[in-house]
Amino acid sequence: MPTSQADTNSRPNTDAFRDSVHLSDRAKQMLTDQLKREEAKEDELGKESVQISSSIGRLSRVSGLHREEVAALYRSIDNLT
């Protein structure tokens, strides 16, 4: 059975994947440094979070807020999303 033109075009060009790129030691070091900076930035972003207890009673005991203040806090957080 002959292969149609569409079938031929849908196959990836495996020759293109055989080409390799050789990086100099300096380029490898720069790439490593960049990845480390990106990871450090992600770690810092991860520290910028807020944790709220789902129990209004528990949060009011821990934070010293009254029930109404805690409910208002939850509403304001909900409005942010």
Protein backbone atom coordinates (compact mmCIF):
# COMPACT_ATOMS: atom_id res chain seq x y z
CA MET A 1 0.00 0.00 0.00
CA PRO A 2 1.58 3.34 -0.97
CA THR A 3 2.25 5.93 1.69
CA SER A 4 0.22 9.09 1.31
CA GLN A 5 1.80 12.54 1.30
CA ALA A 6 0.03 13.42 4.58
CA ASP A 7 1.51 10.39 6.32
CA THR A 8 5.00 11.31 5.18
CA ASN A 9 4.63 14.91 6.37
CA SER A 10 3.40 13.87 9.81
CA ARG A 11 6.53 11.86 10.61
CA PRO A 12 9.26 13.68 12.51
CA ASN A 13 12.53 14.28 10.72
CA THR A 14 14.80 11.96 12.69
CA ASP A 15 17.91 13.34 10.98
CA ALA A 16 17.32 16.69 12.68
CA PHE A 17 17.44 15.01 16.08
CA ARG A 18 20.83 13.44 15.36
CA ASP A 19 22.65 16.76 15.22
CA SER A 20 24.54 17.45 18.41
CA VAL A 21 25.74 20.65 19.96
CA HIS A 22 29.01 20.84 21.85
CA LEU A 23 29.22 23.47 24.57
CA SER A 24 32.45 24.94 25.81
CA ASP A 25 33.32 24.59 29.48
CA ARG A 26 32.51 28.29 29.92
CA ALA A 27 29.08 27.85 28.30
CA LYS A 28 28.36 24.87 30.56
CA GLN A 29 29.36 26.92 33.61
CA MET A 30 27.16 29.83 32.51
CA LEU A 31 24.21 27.48 32.02
CA THR A 32 24.77 25.91 35.44
CA ASP A 33 24.99 29.35 37.08
CA GLN A 34 21.79 30.47 35.36
CA LEU A 35 19.92 27.37 36.49
CA LYS A 36 21.11 27.89 40.07
CA ARG A 37 19.91 31.52 40.00
CA GLU A 38 16.52 30.45 38.66
CA GLU A 39 16.19 27.78 41.35
CA ALA A 40 17.13 30.28 44.06
CA LYS A 41 14.55 32.71 42.69
CA GLU A 42 11.89 29.98 42.74
CA ASP A 43 12.84 29.14 46.33
CA GLU A 44 12.41 32.79 47.32
CA LEU A 45 9.05 32.99 45.57
CA GLY A 46 7.97 29.91 47.47
CA LYS A 47 8.64 31.70 50.75
CA GLU A 48 6.20 34.49 49.87
CA SER A 49 3.12 32.57 50.86
CA VAL A 50 0.38 33.04 53.41
CA GLN A 51 -1.05 30.18 55.40
CA ILE A 52 -4.48 30.51 56.97
CA SER A 53 -6.13 27.90 59.13
CA SER A 54 -9.50 26.69 57.91
CA SER A 55 -10.89 26.75 61.43
CA ILE A 56 -12.14 30.19 62.41
CA GLY A 57 -12.09 29.31 66.10
CA ARG A 58 -8.50 28.10 65.99
CA LEU A 59 -7.31 31.12 64.02
CA SER A 60 -8.94 33.51 66.44
CA ARG A 61 -7.17 31.82 69.35
CA VAL A 62 -3.79 31.86 67.59
CA SER A 63 -3.98 35.36 66.12
CA GLY A 64 -6.00 37.10 68.80
CA LEU A 65 -8.57 38.20 66.22
CA HIS A 66 -12.28 38.15 66.96
CA ARG A 67 -14.56 35.87 64.95
CA GLU A 68 -15.89 38.78 62.85
CA GLU A 69 -12.36 39.95 62.04
CA VAL A 70 -11.35 36.45 60.99
CA ALA A 71 -14.43 36.14 58.78
CA ALA A 72 -13.61 39.51 57.19
CA LEU A 73 -10.05 38.33 56.60
CA TYR A 74 -11.28 35.20 54.83
CA ARG A 75 -13.66 37.27 52.68
CA SER A 76 -10.88 39.67 51.68
CA ILE A 77 -8.62 36.75 50.72
CA ASP A 78 -11.45 35.17 48.75
CA ASN A 79 -11.95 38.44 46.86
CA LEU A 80 -8.30 38.35 45.75
CA THR A 81 -8.85 35.17 43.75
